N, C-alpha and C. Protein backbone atom coordinates (compact mmCIF):
# COMPACT_ATOMS: atom_id res chain seq x y z
N MET A 1 328.39 -186.93 241.70
CA MET A 1 327.43 -187.49 242.24
C MET A 1 327.31 -188.93 242.28
N ASN A 2 327.42 -189.56 243.20
CA ASN A 2 327.48 -190.74 243.46
C ASN A 2 325.91 -191.62 243.69
N GLN A 3 325.50 -192.55 242.98
CA GLN A 3 324.14 -193.13 243.18
C GLN A 3 324.45 -194.62 243.32
N ARG A 4 323.64 -194.91 243.97
CA ARG A 4 323.62 -196.45 244.35
C ARG A 4 321.99 -196.99 244.44
N LEU A 5 321.76 -198.03 243.69
CA LEU A 5 320.38 -198.81 243.81
C LEU A 5 320.57 -199.67 245.05
N ILE A 6 319.69 -199.68 246.02
CA ILE A 6 319.74 -200.35 247.29
C ILE A 6 318.51 -201.67 247.12
N ARG A 7 318.88 -202.83 246.86
CA ARG A 7 317.91 -203.85 246.42
C ARG A 7 317.85 -204.87 247.93
N THR A 8 319.13 -204.96 248.41
CA THR A 8 319.47 -206.15 249.35
C THR A 8 319.89 -205.62 250.68
N GLU A 9 320.02 -206.41 251.41
CA GLU A 9 320.51 -206.07 253.06
C GLU A 9 322.00 -205.69 252.73
N ALA A 10 322.51 -206.47 252.08
CA ALA A 10 324.08 -206.31 251.77
C ALA A 10 324.41 -204.89 250.88
N ASP A 11 323.52 -204.56 250.17
CA ASP A 11 323.57 -203.26 249.50
C ASP A 11 323.28 -202.23 250.65
N ARG A 12 322.47 -202.29 251.45
CA ARG A 12 322.40 -201.15 252.66
C ARG A 12 323.44 -201.32 253.48
N GLN A 13 324.02 -202.32 253.86
CA GLN A 13 325.14 -202.25 254.69
C GLN A 13 326.59 -201.65 253.68
N SER A 14 326.44 -201.95 252.61
CA SER A 14 327.84 -201.37 251.81
C SER A 14 327.47 -199.74 251.84
N LEU A 15 326.48 -199.29 251.68
CA LEU A 15 326.01 -197.72 251.80
C LEU A 15 326.38 -197.25 252.90
N ILE A 16 326.02 -197.95 253.96
CA ILE A 16 326.36 -197.48 255.58
C ILE A 16 327.65 -197.59 255.65
N ARG A 17 328.39 -198.33 255.18
CA ARG A 17 330.07 -198.36 255.34
C ARG A 17 330.54 -197.13 254.40
N TYR A 18 329.91 -196.80 253.28
CA TYR A 18 330.34 -195.95 252.54
C TYR A 18 330.19 -194.55 253.27
N HIS A 19 328.97 -194.21 253.67
CA HIS A 19 328.74 -192.94 254.55
C HIS A 19 329.66 -192.80 255.69
N GLN A 20 329.78 -193.81 256.54
CA GLN A 20 331.06 -194.13 257.43
C GLN A 20 332.15 -193.51 257.02
N SER A 21 332.47 -193.81 255.70
CA SER A 21 333.98 -193.54 255.36
C SER A 21 333.94 -192.09 254.76
N LYS A 22 333.10 -191.53 254.68
CA LYS A 22 332.88 -190.11 253.81
C LYS A 22 333.46 -189.07 255.23
N GLY A 23 334.26 -188.07 254.53
CA GLY A 23 334.59 -187.05 255.63
C GLY A 23 333.38 -185.93 255.90
N LEU A 24 333.20 -185.23 256.65
CA LEU A 24 332.17 -184.45 257.22
C LEU A 24 332.53 -182.73 256.75
N PRO A 25 331.94 -182.32 256.01
CA PRO A 25 330.36 -182.53 255.97
C PRO A 25 329.94 -182.90 254.31
N PHE A 26 328.82 -183.67 254.40
CA PHE A 26 328.64 -184.11 252.91
C PHE A 26 326.99 -184.19 252.98
N THR A 27 326.59 -183.96 251.74
CA THR A 27 325.02 -184.13 251.48
C THR A 27 324.70 -185.61 250.93
N THR A 28 323.59 -186.06 251.30
CA THR A 28 322.96 -187.26 250.77
C THR A 28 321.83 -187.16 250.46
N THR A 29 321.19 -187.75 249.46
CA THR A 29 319.60 -187.81 249.08
C THR A 29 319.25 -189.05 248.81
N THR A 30 318.00 -189.38 249.42
CA THR A 30 317.57 -190.85 249.14
C THR A 30 316.11 -190.69 248.60
N LYS A 31 316.12 -191.64 247.56
CA LYS A 31 314.36 -191.69 246.83
C LYS A 31 314.19 -193.08 247.30
N ASP A 32 312.65 -193.10 247.27
CA ASP A 32 312.35 -194.52 247.57
C ASP A 32 311.94 -195.08 246.14
N GLY A 33 311.96 -196.33 245.97
CA GLY A 33 311.46 -197.20 244.65
C GLY A 33 312.79 -197.46 243.94
N ASP A 34 312.70 -198.11 243.12
CA ASP A 34 313.54 -198.59 241.82
C ASP A 34 313.43 -197.79 240.58
N LYS A 35 314.29 -197.88 239.80
CA LYS A 35 314.50 -197.18 238.47
C LYS A 35 313.56 -198.08 237.72
N ARG A 36 313.11 -197.46 236.57
CA ARG A 36 311.96 -198.10 235.76
C ARG A 36 312.73 -199.27 235.10
N SER A 37 311.73 -199.98 234.71
CA SER A 37 312.09 -201.51 234.46
C SER A 37 312.35 -201.53 233.13
N ASN A 38 313.11 -202.51 232.52
CA ASN A 38 313.38 -202.65 231.04
C ASN A 38 311.94 -203.02 230.43
N PRO A 39 311.12 -203.87 230.96
CA PRO A 39 309.70 -204.06 230.47
C PRO A 39 308.89 -202.94 230.02
N GLN A 40 309.10 -201.82 231.08
CA GLN A 40 308.20 -200.96 231.24
C GLN A 40 308.91 -199.88 229.73
N ASN A 41 310.28 -199.65 229.90
CA ASN A 41 310.98 -199.27 228.66
C ASN A 41 310.58 -199.86 227.20
N ARG A 42 310.41 -200.93 227.18
CA ARG A 42 309.95 -201.82 225.79
C ARG A 42 308.60 -201.27 225.67
N LEU A 43 307.82 -201.32 226.36
CA LEU A 43 306.36 -201.24 225.98
C LEU A 43 306.15 -199.77 225.58
N GLN A 44 306.95 -198.50 226.43
CA GLN A 44 306.77 -197.24 225.64
C GLN A 44 307.35 -197.46 224.27
N MET A 45 308.29 -197.89 223.86
CA MET A 45 308.81 -197.96 223.02
C MET A 45 307.94 -198.50 221.57
N LYS A 46 307.40 -199.83 222.08
CA LYS A 46 306.55 -200.54 221.01
C LYS A 46 305.20 -199.59 221.01
N TRP A 47 304.66 -199.13 222.06
CA TRP A 47 303.53 -197.88 221.85
C TRP A 47 303.75 -197.07 220.76
N CYS A 48 305.02 -196.34 220.94
CA CYS A 48 305.47 -195.43 220.01
C CYS A 48 305.45 -195.83 218.56
N LYS A 49 305.98 -197.05 218.18
CA LYS A 49 305.88 -197.79 217.00
C LYS A 49 304.57 -197.79 216.39
N GLU A 50 303.64 -198.41 217.48
CA GLU A 50 302.61 -198.68 216.93
C GLU A 50 301.74 -197.44 216.64
N ALA A 51 301.87 -196.30 217.43
CA ALA A 51 301.23 -195.18 217.12
C ALA A 51 301.87 -194.55 215.55
N ALA A 52 302.98 -194.92 215.40
CA ALA A 52 303.68 -194.26 214.11
C ALA A 52 303.12 -195.05 213.02
N MET A 53 302.74 -196.36 213.11
CA MET A 53 302.08 -197.02 212.32
C MET A 53 300.59 -196.83 211.72
N GLN A 54 299.96 -196.07 212.68
CA GLN A 54 298.63 -195.38 212.85
C GLN A 54 298.26 -194.17 212.34
N GLY A 55 299.25 -193.38 212.76
CA GLY A 55 299.15 -191.55 213.01
C GLY A 55 299.95 -191.21 211.97
N ASP A 56 300.20 -190.03 211.97
CA ASP A 56 300.88 -188.96 210.96
C ASP A 56 302.64 -188.61 211.37
N ASN A 57 302.88 -189.57 212.55
CA ASN A 57 303.84 -188.81 212.95
C ASN A 57 304.90 -190.30 213.46
N THR A 58 306.13 -189.83 213.01
CA THR A 58 307.12 -190.78 213.38
C THR A 58 307.53 -191.59 214.96
N ALA A 59 307.59 -192.58 215.05
CA ALA A 59 307.85 -193.13 216.48
C ALA A 59 308.72 -191.91 217.32
N GLU A 60 309.66 -191.32 216.87
CA GLU A 60 310.46 -190.73 217.63
C GLU A 60 309.61 -189.49 217.71
N GLU A 61 308.83 -188.99 217.26
CA GLU A 61 308.11 -187.91 217.33
C GLU A 61 306.90 -187.75 218.13
N TYR A 62 306.46 -189.23 218.38
CA TYR A 62 305.63 -189.59 219.40
C TYR A 62 306.18 -189.63 220.55
N ARG A 63 307.41 -190.35 220.48
CA ARG A 63 308.25 -190.17 222.06
C ARG A 63 308.57 -188.90 222.30
N ALA A 64 308.54 -188.10 221.64
CA ALA A 64 309.21 -186.56 221.91
C ALA A 64 307.89 -186.06 222.77
N TYR A 65 306.70 -186.20 221.93
CA TYR A 65 305.45 -185.74 222.47
C TYR A 65 305.20 -186.19 223.80
N CYS A 66 305.15 -187.56 223.81
CA CYS A 66 304.86 -188.08 225.19
C CYS A 66 305.81 -187.55 226.25
N LYS A 67 307.10 -187.58 225.89
CA LYS A 67 307.96 -187.29 226.83
C LYS A 67 307.46 -185.67 227.64
N LEU A 68 307.18 -184.72 226.49
CA LEU A 68 306.77 -183.42 227.17
C LEU A 68 305.52 -183.40 227.72
N HIS A 69 304.41 -183.83 226.95
CA HIS A 69 303.06 -183.77 227.68
C HIS A 69 302.61 -184.65 228.66
N PHE A 70 303.63 -186.07 228.96
CA PHE A 70 303.34 -186.97 230.02
C PHE A 70 304.25 -186.95 231.24
N GLY A 71 305.68 -186.93 230.60
CA GLY A 71 306.65 -187.19 231.19
C GLY A 71 307.27 -186.20 232.15
N VAL A 72 307.21 -185.01 231.49
CA VAL A 72 307.76 -183.60 232.31
C VAL A 72 306.60 -183.52 233.39
N PRO A 73 305.43 -183.34 233.24
CA PRO A 73 304.55 -183.02 234.25
C PRO A 73 304.83 -184.13 235.67
N ILE A 74 305.16 -185.25 235.27
CA ILE A 74 305.38 -186.47 236.38
C ILE A 74 306.56 -185.90 237.01
N LEU A 75 307.48 -185.71 236.45
CA LEU A 75 308.77 -185.32 236.95
C LEU A 75 308.90 -183.89 237.56
N ARG A 76 308.53 -183.06 236.97
CA ARG A 76 307.96 -181.77 237.73
C ARG A 76 307.48 -181.98 239.13
N GLU A 77 306.84 -182.80 239.80
CA GLU A 77 306.39 -182.96 240.82
C GLU A 77 307.43 -183.01 241.82
N ASP A 78 308.69 -183.44 241.38
CA ASP A 78 309.78 -183.17 242.27
C ASP A 78 310.61 -181.71 242.05
N GLU A 79 310.42 -181.27 243.46
CA GLU A 79 310.92 -179.77 243.41
C GLU A 79 312.16 -179.48 242.74
N ASP A 80 313.29 -180.21 243.04
CA ASP A 80 314.47 -179.99 242.18
C ASP A 80 314.38 -180.15 240.77
N PHE A 81 313.75 -180.92 240.29
CA PHE A 81 313.35 -181.24 238.63
C PHE A 81 312.58 -179.91 238.21
N GLN A 82 311.68 -179.72 239.04
CA GLN A 82 310.75 -178.27 238.50
C GLN A 82 311.56 -177.29 238.51
N ALA A 83 312.44 -177.02 239.43
CA ALA A 83 313.06 -175.65 239.48
C ALA A 83 314.16 -175.49 238.25
N SER A 84 314.69 -176.92 238.10
CA SER A 84 315.94 -176.77 236.81
C SER A 84 315.10 -176.75 235.73
N TYR A 85 313.85 -177.51 235.44
CA TYR A 85 313.06 -177.39 234.03
C TYR A 85 312.66 -175.94 233.76
N ASP A 86 311.98 -175.49 235.10
CA ASP A 86 311.50 -174.08 234.61
C ASP A 86 312.52 -172.99 234.64
N GLN A 87 313.46 -173.32 235.11
CA GLN A 87 314.95 -172.02 234.83
C GLN A 87 315.32 -172.22 233.36
N LYS A 88 315.37 -173.73 233.16
CA LYS A 88 316.23 -173.74 231.49
C LYS A 88 315.26 -174.12 230.50
N LEU A 89 314.18 -174.50 230.81
CA LEU A 89 313.29 -175.23 229.48
C LEU A 89 311.84 -174.48 229.63
N LYS A 90 311.20 -174.07 230.56
CA LYS A 90 309.94 -173.68 230.44
C LYS A 90 309.44 -172.83 229.58
N TRP A 91 310.60 -171.65 229.73
CA TRP A 91 310.35 -170.58 228.58
C TRP A 91 310.51 -170.36 227.28
N LEU A 92 311.00 -171.82 226.75
CA LEU A 92 311.46 -172.11 225.28
C LEU A 92 309.99 -172.16 224.62
N PRO A 93 310.21 -171.91 223.35
CA PRO A 93 308.86 -172.13 222.29
C PRO A 93 308.67 -173.55 222.28
N TYR A 94 307.53 -174.16 222.25
CA TYR A 94 307.00 -175.38 222.02
C TYR A 94 307.92 -176.13 221.16
N GLU A 95 308.00 -175.79 219.79
CA GLU A 95 308.74 -176.52 219.11
C GLU A 95 310.51 -176.90 219.66
N THR A 96 310.66 -175.99 220.13
CA THR A 96 312.08 -176.25 220.70
C THR A 96 312.09 -177.27 221.76
N LYS A 97 311.20 -177.00 222.73
CA LYS A 97 310.85 -177.97 223.73
C LYS A 97 310.60 -179.65 222.96
N LEU A 98 309.99 -179.87 221.93
CA LEU A 98 309.60 -181.07 221.24
C LEU A 98 311.22 -181.46 220.72
N ALA A 99 311.80 -180.36 220.23
CA ALA A 99 313.15 -180.81 219.75
C ALA A 99 314.14 -181.43 220.60
N LEU A 100 314.16 -180.67 221.67
CA LEU A 100 315.03 -181.15 222.79
C LEU A 100 314.40 -182.61 223.36
N MET A 101 313.32 -183.04 223.44
CA MET A 101 312.92 -184.10 223.66
C MET A 101 313.17 -185.20 222.72
N GLY A 102 313.36 -184.88 221.68
CA GLY A 102 313.44 -186.03 220.40
C GLY A 102 314.68 -186.15 220.05
N GLU A 103 315.12 -184.99 219.20
CA GLU A 103 316.36 -184.69 218.52
C GLU A 103 317.58 -184.71 219.43
N PHE A 104 317.42 -184.08 220.57
CA PHE A 104 318.52 -184.09 221.59
C PHE A 104 318.44 -184.93 222.89
N ASP A 105 317.29 -185.89 222.52
CA ASP A 105 317.14 -186.96 223.73
C ASP A 105 317.17 -186.28 225.31
N PHE A 106 316.58 -185.33 225.41
CA PHE A 106 316.51 -184.75 226.78
C PHE A 106 315.94 -186.00 227.81
N PRO A 107 316.43 -186.38 228.83
CA PRO A 107 316.26 -187.30 229.70
C PRO A 107 314.88 -187.09 230.44
N VAL A 108 313.83 -188.18 230.23
CA VAL A 108 312.94 -187.91 231.14
C VAL A 108 312.44 -189.27 231.56
N SER A 109 312.01 -190.27 230.73
CA SER A 109 311.66 -191.61 231.27
C SER A 109 312.86 -192.14 231.89
N ARG A 110 314.17 -192.07 231.36
CA ARG A 110 315.18 -192.52 232.09
C ARG A 110 315.45 -192.13 233.73
N LEU A 111 314.92 -190.92 233.92
CA LEU A 111 315.04 -190.29 235.28
C LEU A 111 313.88 -190.90 236.04
N MET A 112 312.78 -191.75 235.78
CA MET A 112 311.80 -192.10 236.57
C MET A 112 311.93 -193.34 237.33
N GLN A 113 311.21 -193.37 238.38
CA GLN A 113 311.05 -194.44 239.08
C GLN A 113 310.15 -195.39 238.62
N VAL A 114 309.79 -196.50 239.07
CA VAL A 114 308.78 -197.74 238.66
C VAL A 114 307.60 -196.94 238.63
N GLU A 115 307.02 -196.46 239.58
CA GLU A 115 305.88 -196.00 239.74
C GLU A 115 305.56 -194.51 239.10
N GLN A 116 306.75 -194.00 238.87
CA GLN A 116 306.40 -192.70 238.12
C GLN A 116 306.26 -193.35 236.44
N MET A 117 306.90 -194.30 235.94
CA MET A 117 306.90 -194.69 234.64
C MET A 117 305.59 -195.58 234.38
N ARG A 118 304.90 -196.16 235.35
CA ARG A 118 303.62 -196.81 235.66
C ARG A 118 302.56 -195.79 235.01
N ARG A 119 302.76 -194.72 235.75
CA ARG A 119 301.91 -193.49 235.53
C ARG A 119 302.02 -192.77 234.27
N TYR A 120 303.34 -192.85 233.74
CA TYR A 120 304.01 -192.17 232.52
C TYR A 120 302.90 -193.14 231.27
N LEU A 121 303.26 -194.69 231.46
CA LEU A 121 302.59 -195.45 230.48
C LEU A 121 301.20 -195.45 230.57
N ASP A 122 300.46 -195.26 231.95
CA ASP A 122 299.08 -195.39 231.78
C ASP A 122 298.43 -193.85 231.07
N ALA A 123 299.09 -192.87 231.37
CA ALA A 123 298.85 -191.45 230.50
C ALA A 123 299.14 -191.48 229.09
N ILE A 124 299.95 -192.25 228.66
CA ILE A 124 300.30 -192.62 227.06
C ILE A 124 299.14 -193.49 226.58
N TYR A 125 298.70 -194.62 227.38
CA TYR A 125 297.80 -195.45 226.81
C TYR A 125 296.51 -194.64 226.87
N GLN A 126 296.20 -194.04 227.86
CA GLN A 126 294.68 -193.44 227.87
C GLN A 126 294.76 -192.21 226.64
N HIS A 127 295.88 -191.64 226.43
CA HIS A 127 295.74 -190.53 225.57
C HIS A 127 295.52 -191.17 224.26
N PHE A 128 296.26 -192.26 223.59
CA PHE A 128 296.48 -192.74 222.30
C PHE A 128 295.19 -193.71 222.19
N THR A 129 294.70 -194.39 223.06
CA THR A 129 293.47 -195.18 223.11
C THR A 129 292.34 -194.23 222.74
N GLY A 130 292.39 -193.08 223.65
CA GLY A 130 291.17 -192.09 223.54
C GLY A 130 291.09 -191.65 222.32
N LEU A 131 292.29 -191.54 221.50
CA LEU A 131 292.29 -190.91 219.89
C LEU A 131 291.94 -191.89 219.32
N GLY A 132 291.63 -193.42 219.37
CA GLY A 132 290.97 -194.16 218.63
C GLY A 132 292.48 -195.25 218.07
N PHE A 133 293.79 -194.95 218.54
CA PHE A 133 294.71 -195.88 218.48
C PHE A 133 294.47 -197.07 219.09
N GLN A 134 295.24 -198.25 218.37
CA GLN A 134 295.23 -199.51 218.88
C GLN A 134 296.40 -199.60 219.38
N LEU A 135 296.62 -200.20 220.56
CA LEU A 135 297.99 -200.14 221.22
C LEU A 135 297.98 -201.51 222.02
N THR A 136 299.08 -202.11 221.99
CA THR A 136 298.89 -203.50 222.72
C THR A 136 298.68 -203.23 224.05
N ASP A 137 298.03 -203.94 224.66
CA ASP A 137 297.54 -204.23 225.95
C ASP A 137 298.34 -204.81 226.97
N PRO A 138 299.16 -204.41 227.59
CA PRO A 138 300.15 -205.18 228.50
C PRO A 138 299.42 -206.26 229.30
N ASN A 139 298.22 -206.03 229.65
CA ASN A 139 297.42 -207.11 230.48
C ASN A 139 297.37 -208.37 229.78
N TRP A 140 296.90 -207.94 228.57
CA TRP A 140 296.39 -209.00 227.52
C TRP A 140 297.68 -209.89 227.10
N GLN A 141 298.81 -209.27 227.00
CA GLN A 141 300.04 -209.87 226.61
C GLN A 141 301.22 -210.53 227.80
N GLY A 142 300.24 -210.36 228.90
CA GLY A 142 301.02 -211.05 229.94
C GLY A 142 302.47 -210.13 230.38
N MET A 143 302.36 -209.16 230.09
CA MET A 143 303.84 -208.35 230.43
C MET A 143 303.74 -207.76 231.75
N ASP A 144 304.85 -207.96 232.30
CA ASP A 144 305.02 -207.35 233.63
C ASP A 144 305.71 -206.20 233.53
N VAL A 145 305.06 -205.05 233.78
CA VAL A 145 305.38 -203.67 233.16
C VAL A 145 304.94 -202.77 234.70
N ALA A 146 305.01 -203.18 235.76
CA ALA A 146 304.89 -202.79 237.06
C ALA A 146 306.37 -202.41 237.65
């Protein structure tokens, strides 16, 4: 599979040339948006560490919980991801799914686009602050997580 991130007109022209060079038939897929941002990723990790300092789990356990409870539902909005997840993972016991998210680092947030990651972070923030956890507010810190 060949993935290319198109950010400039030069990138677009390069992609067009690439497609023109391909033999027929071939399949192509296009997704709107950009991959999650580094500030978004750092904020997720910061929140997991902050939760670990206040709760009963490790940062990695909170990260696995968030991936399963908030990230997977967002990714399942995509029909291809949903079909694959439902076939391979949905039927597994809860503890096994958590282990896959954490110990085996099942990809969730790294598959997200910026907007999906924004929704993911919003869900994490709402969940943990709703439980009384104190998490860094990205708006107060001037973080660019969009």
